[in-house]
Amino acid sequence: MKLLYGTKNPAKLSGMRKWLEGLEIEITGLDELDCEIPSVPEDGHTPLENARQKALAYYEAFHVPVFSCDSGLYFDNVPDEIQPGVHVRTVNGKYLSDKEMTDYYSALAGRYGNLVARYKNAVCLVMNGHIYEAMEPSMESERFLITDKPHTQLNKGFPLDSLSIHIESGKYYYDLPENERDKYQNHEKNGFLEFFRNILENN
């Protein structure tokens, strides 16, 4: 099965390809298309609404099976008015660069102490006129901490990784052995695997 992944983010594309290894799915990203990419507003109130907006827009533009994902960042210990939700990169109407994101969230952690965080994830696939979508607890990340002291390592496209600390060990995820990092992502990964496996089995 060939699917277009509605993202220009190379880190997200690479990560999804890795997650879905073993399934008979070939994934192409938007930047690999030799054509104009439409702009999608992403003004939904939930990750699923945004994922659906993007998938439908790219399906209308390219007429190929396409899926899009979206995430919301949620903290246990901040006031509702500064809860990021789906606006992880947009603060006070401004779209933040990787560095601006790191600066903003490290300052937030400095103000409130280490932030107990989790990502809620959603996916929407449009194929042959049908819509398949999910936003399940099995797709959520494990809880982790956002700290005010950035790690020296940076991952382009994922700036908050440099602020992320594993709760149980107290270590930056970057400082965990690779096999340990993969293990802690399994909960999130398995939710997406289940979604796409069901698509393959029923099409």
C-alpha atoms as a PDB file:
ATOM      1  CA  MET A   1       0.000   0.000   0.000  1.00  0.00           C
ATOM      2  CA  LYS A   2       1.372   3.428  -0.972  1.00  0.00           C
ATOM      3  CA  LEU A   3       0.393   6.312   1.274  1.00  0.00           C
ATOM      4  CA  LEU A   4       1.183  10.013   1.246  1.00  0.00           C
ATOM      5  CA  TYR A   5       2.023  11.342   4.709  1.00  0.00           C
ATOM      6  CA  GLY A   6       0.778  14.920   4.939  1.00  0.00           C
ATOM      7  CA  THR A   7       3.870  16.452   6.499  1.00  0.00           C
ATOM      8  CA  LYS A   8       6.925  18.442   5.401  1.00  0.00           C
ATOM      9  CA  ASN A   9       8.766  17.607   8.621  1.00  0.00           C
ATOM     10  CA  PRO A  10      11.640  15.202   7.805  1.00  0.00           C
ATOM     11  CA  ALA A  11      11.911  14.010  11.412  1.00  0.00           C
ATOM     12  CA  LYS A  12       8.222  13.082  11.513  1.00  0.00           C
ATOM     13  CA  LEU A  13       8.471  11.302   8.161  1.00  0.00           C
ATOM     14  CA  SER A  14      11.515   9.314   9.258  1.00  0.00           C
ATOM     15  CA  GLY A  15       9.916   8.466  12.598  1.00  0.00           C
ATOM     16  CA  MET A  16       6.697   7.196  11.045  1.00  0.00           C
ATOM     17  CA  ARG A  17       8.603   5.058   8.545  1.00  0.00           C
ATOM     18  CA  LYS A  18      10.477   3.509  11.435  1.00  0.00           C
ATOM     19  CA  TRP A  19       7.322   2.918  13.457  1.00  0.00           C
ATOM     20  CA  LEU A  20       5.587   1.159  10.567  1.00  0.00           C
ATOM     21  CA  GLU A  21       8.514  -1.051   9.556  1.00  0.00           C
ATOM     22  CA  GLY A  22       7.239  -4.550   8.962  1.00  0.00           C
ATOM     23  CA  LEU A  23       3.929  -3.421   7.474  1.00  0.00           C
ATOM     24  CA  GLU A  24       3.498  -3.481   3.710  1.00  0.00           C
ATOM     25  CA  ILE A  25       3.205   0.299   3.516  1.00  0.00           C
ATOM     26  CA  GLU A  26       5.344   2.657   1.433  1.00  0.00           C
ATOM     27  CA  ILE A  27       5.246   6.218   2.775  1.00  0.00           C
ATOM     28  CA  THR A  28       5.963   9.391   0.803  1.00  0.00           C
ATOM     29  CA  GLY A  29       6.225  12.868   2.331  1.00  0.00           C
ATOM     30  CA  LEU A  30       4.973  16.150   0.924  1.00  0.00           C
ATOM     31  CA  ASP A  31       8.482  17.424   0.180  1.00  0.00           C
ATOM     32  CA  GLU A  32       9.019  14.418  -2.092  1.00  0.00           C
ATOM     33  CA  LEU A  33       6.237  15.592  -4.408  1.00  0.00           C
ATOM     34  CA  ASP A  34       7.192  17.705  -7.417  1.00  0.00           C
ATOM     35  CA  CYS A  35       4.230  20.065  -7.196  1.00  0.00           C
ATOM     36  CA  GLU A  36       2.762  22.928  -5.223  1.00  0.00           C
ATOM     37  CA  ILE A  37       1.626  22.009  -1.713  1.00  0.00           C
ATOM     38  CA  PRO A  38      -1.621  23.650  -0.558  1.00  0.00           C
ATOM     39  CA  SER A  39      -1.671  25.572   2.691  1.00  0.00           C
ATOM     40  CA  VAL A  40      -3.970  24.086   5.341  1.00  0.00           C
ATOM     41  CA  PRO A  41      -5.173  26.295   8.223  1.00  0.00           C
ATOM     42  CA  GLU A  42      -5.064  23.696  11.062  1.00  0.00           C
ATOM     43  CA  ASP A  43      -7.499  25.720  13.161  1.00  0.00           C
ATOM     44  CA  GLY A  44      -9.241  22.798  14.851  1.00  0.00           C
ATOM     45  CA  HIS A  45      -9.674  22.583  18.606  1.00  0.00           C
ATOM     46  CA  THR A  46      -8.330  19.035  18.971  1.00  0.00           C
ATOM     47  CA  PRO A  47      -5.536  16.977  17.388  1.00  0.00           C
ATOM     48  CA  LEU A  48      -8.140  14.886  15.555  1.00  0.00           C
ATOM     49  CA  GLU A  49      -9.833  17.932  14.023  1.00  0.00           C
ATOM     50  CA  ASN A  50      -6.482  19.165  12.709  1.00  0.00           C
ATOM     51  CA  ALA A  51      -5.466  15.745  11.392  1.00  0.00           C
ATOM     52  CA  ARG A  52      -8.786  15.497   9.553  1.00  0.00           C
ATOM     53  CA  GLN A  53      -8.447  18.991   8.050  1.00  0.00           C
ATOM     54  CA  LYS A  54      -5.013  18.188   6.659  1.00  0.00           C
ATOM     55  CA  ALA A  55      -5.853  14.733   5.325  1.00  0.00           C
ATOM     56  CA  LEU A  56      -8.988  15.949   3.529  1.00  0.00           C
ATOM     57  CA  ALA A  57      -7.174  18.954   2.038  1.00  0.00           C
ATOM     58  CA  TYR A  58      -4.270  16.869   0.699  1.00  0.00           C
ATOM     59  CA  TYR A  59      -6.632  14.187  -0.614  1.00  0.00           C
ATOM     60  CA  GLU A  60      -8.584  16.859  -2.496  1.00  0.00           C
ATOM     61  CA  ALA A  61      -5.341  18.274  -3.896  1.00  0.00           C
ATOM     62  CA  PHE A  62      -3.565  15.061  -4.928  1.00  0.00           C
ATOM     63  CA  HIS A  63      -6.301  12.380  -5.219  1.00  0.00           C
ATOM     64  CA  VAL A  64      -4.117   9.697  -3.647  1.00  0.00           C
ATOM     65  CA  PRO A  65      -4.465   7.853  -0.323  1.00  0.00           C
ATOM     66  CA  VAL A  66      -3.160  10.272   2.288  1.00  0.00           C
ATOM     67  CA  PHE A  67      -2.927  10.386   6.043  1.00  0.00           C
ATOM     68  CA  SER A  68      -2.116  13.198   8.424  1.00  0.00           C
ATOM     69  CA  CYS A  69      -1.325  13.256  12.112  1.00  0.00           C
ATOM     70  CA  ASP A  70      -1.548  15.904  14.754  1.00  0.00           C
ATOM     71  CA  SER A  71      -0.601  16.181  18.401  1.00  0.00           C
ATOM     72  CA  GLY A  72      -1.508  18.228  21.415  1.00  0.00           C
ATOM     73  CA  LEU A  73       0.759  18.845  24.387  1.00  0.00           C
ATOM     74  CA  TYR A  74      -0.899  18.787  27.783  1.00  0.00           C
ATOM     75  CA  PHE A  75       0.592  19.629  31.189  1.00  0.00           C
ATOM     76  CA  ASP A  76      -0.706  18.482  34.564  1.00  0.00           C
ATOM     77  CA  ASN A  77       0.472  21.529  36.485  1.00  0.00           C
ATOM     78  CA  VAL A  78      -0.185  24.781  34.599  1.00  0.00           C
ATOM     79  CA  PRO A  79      -3.263  27.056  34.436  1.00  0.00           C
ATOM     80  CA  ASP A  80      -5.768  26.306  31.666  1.00  0.00           C
ATOM     81  CA  GLU A  81      -5.100  29.601  29.919  1.00  0.00           C
ATOM     82  CA  ILE A  82      -1.521  28.585  29.067  1.00  0.00           C
ATOM     83  CA  GLN A  83      -2.232  24.928  28.307  1.00  0.00           C
ATOM     84  CA  PRO A  84      -0.632  24.366  24.873  1.00  0.00           C
ATOM     85  CA  GLY A  85      -3.009  21.711  23.508  1.00  0.00           C
ATOM     86  CA  VAL A  86      -2.851  21.805  19.703  1.00  0.00           C
ATOM     87  CA  HIS A  87      -1.072  25.167  19.743  1.00  0.00           C
ATOM     88  CA  VAL A  88       2.320  23.782  20.745  1.00  0.00           C
ATOM     89  CA  ARG A  89       4.190  25.962  18.259  1.00  0.00           C
ATOM     90  CA  THR A  90       1.902  28.988  18.332  1.00  0.00           C
ATOM     91  CA  VAL A  91       2.050  31.274  21.361  1.00  0.00           C
ATOM     92  CA  ASN A  92       0.118  34.550  21.470  1.00  0.00           C
ATOM     93  CA  GLY A  93      -0.521  34.234  17.728  1.00  0.00           C
ATOM     94  CA  LYS A  94       3.134  33.753  16.797  1.00  0.00           C
ATOM     95  CA  TYR A  95       4.482  30.602  15.121  1.00  0.00           C
ATOM     96  CA  LEU A  96       7.665  29.665  16.959  1.00  0.00           C
ATOM     97  CA  SER A  97      10.932  28.439  15.492  1.00  0.00           C
ATOM     98  CA  ASP A  98      12.719  25.482  17.088  1.00  0.00           C
ATOM     99  CA  LYS A  99      14.855  27.832  19.201  1.00  0.00           C
ATOM    100  CA  GLU A 100      11.890  29.977  20.211  1.00  0.00           C
ATOM    101  CA  MET A 101      10.014  26.855  21.301  1.00  0.00           C
ATOM    102  CA  THR A 102      12.938  25.704  23.423  1.00  0.00           C
ATOM    103  CA  ASP A 103      13.237  29.139  25.018  1.00  0.00           C
ATOM    104  CA  TYR A 104       9.508  29.458  25.713  1.00  0.00           C
ATOM    105  CA  TYR A 105       8.974  26.037  27.283  1.00  0.00           C
ATOM    106  CA  SER A 106      12.183  26.119  29.301  1.00  0.00           C
ATOM    107  CA  ALA A 107      11.031  29.469  30.720  1.00  0.00           C
ATOM    108  CA  LEU A 108       7.619  27.950  31.504  1.00  0.00           C
ATOM    109  CA  ALA A 109       9.306  25.089  33.356  1.00  0.00           C
ATOM    110  CA  GLY A 110      11.418  27.613  35.223  1.00  0.00           C
ATOM    111  CA  ARG A 111       8.264  29.397  36.350  1.00  0.00           C
ATOM    112  CA  TYR A 112       6.218  26.367  37.435  1.00  0.00           C
ATOM    113  CA  GLY A 113       8.908  23.787  38.124  1.00  0.00           C
ATOM    114  CA  ASN A 114       9.363  20.704  35.956  1.00  0.00           C
ATOM    115  CA  LEU A 115       6.180  20.267  33.910  1.00  0.00           C
ATOM    116  CA  VAL A 116       4.457  16.873  33.903  1.00  0.00           C
ATOM    117  CA  ALA A 117       3.593  16.465  30.230  1.00  0.00           C
ATOM    118  CA  ARG A 118       2.089  14.064  27.701  1.00  0.00           C
ATOM    119  CA  TYR A 119       1.193  14.169  24.026  1.00  0.00           C
ATOM    120  CA  LYS A 120      -2.254  13.217  22.790  1.00  0.00           C
ATOM    121  CA  ASN A 121      -1.967  12.045  19.182  1.00  0.00           C
ATOM    122  CA  ALA A 122      -4.473  11.602  16.370  1.00  0.00           C
ATOM    123  CA  VAL A 123      -4.387  10.229  12.833  1.00  0.00           C
ATOM    124  CA  CYS A 124      -6.757  10.555   9.882  1.00  0.00           C
ATOM    125  CA  LEU A 125      -6.450   8.565   6.649  1.00  0.00           C
ATOM    126  CA  VAL A 126      -8.489   9.356   3.532  1.00  0.00           C
ATOM    127  CA  MET A 127      -8.500   6.597   0.945  1.00  0.00           C
ATOM    128  CA  ASN A 128     -10.875   5.827  -1.907  1.00  0.00           C
ATOM    129  CA  GLY A 129     -13.366   8.326  -0.557  1.00  0.00           C
ATOM    130  CA  HIS A 130     -13.430   6.760   2.926  1.00  0.00           C
ATOM    131  CA  ILE A 131     -12.205   8.408   6.130  1.00  0.00           C
ATOM    132  CA  TYR A 132     -10.458   6.360   8.807  1.00  0.00           C
ATOM    133  CA  GLU A 133      -9.442   8.161  11.973  1.00  0.00           C
ATOM    134  CA  ALA A 134      -8.459   7.594  15.569  1.00  0.00           C
ATOM    135  CA  MET A 135      -7.395   9.445  18.708  1.00  0.00           C
ATOM    136  CA  GLU A 136      -7.004   6.677  21.252  1.00  0.00           C
ATOM    137  CA  PRO A 137      -5.273   6.464  24.647  1.00  0.00           C
ATOM    138  CA  SER A 138      -3.025   3.822  23.043  1.00  0.00           C
ATOM    139  CA  MET A 139      -1.632   6.610  20.839  1.00  0.00           C
ATOM    140  CA  GLU A 140      -0.721   8.897  23.745  1.00  0.00           C
ATOM    141  CA  SER A 141       2.849   9.289  24.879  1.00  0.00           C
ATOM    142  CA  GLU A 142       3.863   8.256  28.360  1.00  0.00           C
ATOM    143  CA  ARG A 143       4.046  11.060  30.885  1.00  0.00           C
ATOM    144  CA  PHE A 144       7.382  12.845  30.983  1.00  0.00           C
ATOM    145  CA  LEU A 145       8.933  16.012  32.363  1.00  0.00           C
ATOM    146  CA  ILE A 146       9.724  19.276  30.591  1.00  0.00           C
ATOM    147  CA  THR A 147      12.684  20.934  32.319  1.00  0.00           C
ATOM    148  CA  ASP A 148      14.121  24.433  32.187  1.00  0.00           C
ATOM    149  CA  LYS A 149      17.650  23.242  31.321  1.00  0.00           C
ATOM    150  CA  PRO A 150      17.983  22.212  27.647  1.00  0.00           C
ATOM    151  CA  HIS A 151      20.154  19.258  26.692  1.00  0.00           C
ATOM    152  CA  THR A 152      23.104  20.051  24.440  1.00  0.00           C
ATOM    153  CA  GLN A 153      21.752  17.705  21.752  1.00  0.00           C
ATOM    154  CA  LEU A 154      19.090  19.050  19.403  1.00  0.00           C
ATOM    155  CA  ASN A 155      16.775  17.189  17.035  1.00  0.00           C
ATOM    156  CA  LYS A 156      15.635  19.427  14.162  1.00  0.00           C
ATOM    157  CA  GLY A 157      11.862  19.520  13.992  1.00  0.00           C
ATOM    158  CA  PHE A 158      11.499  18.197  17.548  1.00  0.00           C
ATOM    159  CA  PRO A 159      12.897  21.003  19.735  1.00  0.00           C
ATOM    160  CA  LEU A 160      11.145  19.871  22.915  1.00  0.00           C
ATOM    161  CA  ASP A 161      13.124  16.626  22.871  1.00  0.00           C
ATOM    162  CA  SER A 162      16.026  18.628  24.315  1.00  0.00           C
ATOM    163  CA  LEU A 163      13.872  19.497  27.350  1.00  0.00           C
ATOM    164  CA  SER A 164      12.315  16.062  27.877  1.00  0.00           C
ATOM    165  CA  ILE A 165      13.191  13.957  30.908  1.00  0.00           C
ATOM    166  CA  HIS A 166      12.136  10.397  31.684  1.00  0.00           C
ATOM    167  CA  ILE A 167      10.191  10.507  34.958  1.00  0.00           C
ATOM    168  CA  GLU A 168      11.312   7.207  36.484  1.00  0.00           C
ATOM    169  CA  SER A 169      15.032   7.570  35.845  1.00  0.00           C
ATOM    170  CA  GLY A 170      15.296  11.355  36.008  1.00  0.00           C
ATOM    171  CA  LYS A 171      17.472  11.254  32.872  1.00  0.00           C
ATOM    172  CA  TYR A 172      17.086  13.145  29.624  1.00  0.00           C
ATOM    173  CA  TYR A 173      15.697  10.820  26.958  1.00  0.00           C
ATOM    174  CA  TYR A 174      18.787  11.679  24.913  1.00  0.00           C
ATOM    175  CA  ASP A 175      20.947  10.156  27.664  1.00  0.00           C
ATOM    176  CA  LEU A 176      19.097   6.844  27.752  1.00  0.00           C
ATOM    177  CA  PRO A 177      20.446   3.936  25.665  1.00  0.00           C
ATOM    178  CA  GLU A 178      18.729   3.756  22.277  1.00  0.00           C
ATOM    179  CA  ASN A 179      16.968   0.499  23.125  1.00  0.00           C
ATOM    180  CA  GLU A 180      15.577   2.121  26.275  1.00  0.00           C
ATOM    181  CA  ARG A 181      14.292   5.139  24.334  1.00  0.00           C
ATOM    182  CA  ASP A 182      12.571   2.834  21.854  1.00  0.00           C
ATOM    183  CA  LYS A 183      10.970   0.864  24.691  1.00  0.00           C
ATOM    184  CA  TYR A 184       9.491   3.987  26.248  1.00  0.00           C
ATOM    185  CA  GLN A 185       7.972   4.958  22.894  1.00  0.00           C
ATOM    186  CA  ASN A 186       6.348   1.562  22.365  1.00  0.00           C
ATOM    187  CA  HIS A 187       3.003   2.570  23.873  1.00  0.00           C
ATOM    188  CA  GLU A 188       2.646   5.432  21.402  1.00  0.00           C
ATOM    189  CA  LYS A 189       4.066   3.407  18.522  1.00  0.00           C
ATOM    190  CA  ASN A 190       1.794   0.423  19.088  1.00  0.00           C
ATOM    191  CA  GLY A 191      -1.333   2.560  18.843  1.00  0.00           C
ATOM    192  CA  PHE A 192      -0.332   3.718  15.353  1.00  0.00           C
ATOM    193  CA  LEU A 193       0.721   0.195  14.360  1.00  0.00           C
ATOM    194  CA  GLU A 194      -2.689  -1.134  15.352  1.00  0.00           C
ATOM    195  CA  PHE A 195      -4.451   1.590  13.364  1.00  0.00           C
ATOM    196  CA  PHE A 196      -2.541   0.923  10.130  1.00  0.00           C
ATOM    197  CA  ARG A 197      -2.595  -2.854  10.570  1.00  0.00           C
ATOM    198  CA  ASN A 198      -6.382  -2.721  10.733  1.00  0.00           C
ATOM    199  CA  ILE A 199      -6.433  -0.621   7.547  1.00  0.00           C
ATOM    200  CA  LEU A 200      -4.318  -3.200   5.721  1.00  0.00           C
ATOM    201  CA  GLU A 201      -6.429  -6.107   6.943  1.00  0.00           C
ATOM    202  CA  ASN A 202      -9.670  -4.516   5.794  1.00  0.00           C
ATOM    203  CA  ASN A 203      -8.604  -3.157   2.391  1.00  0.00           C
END
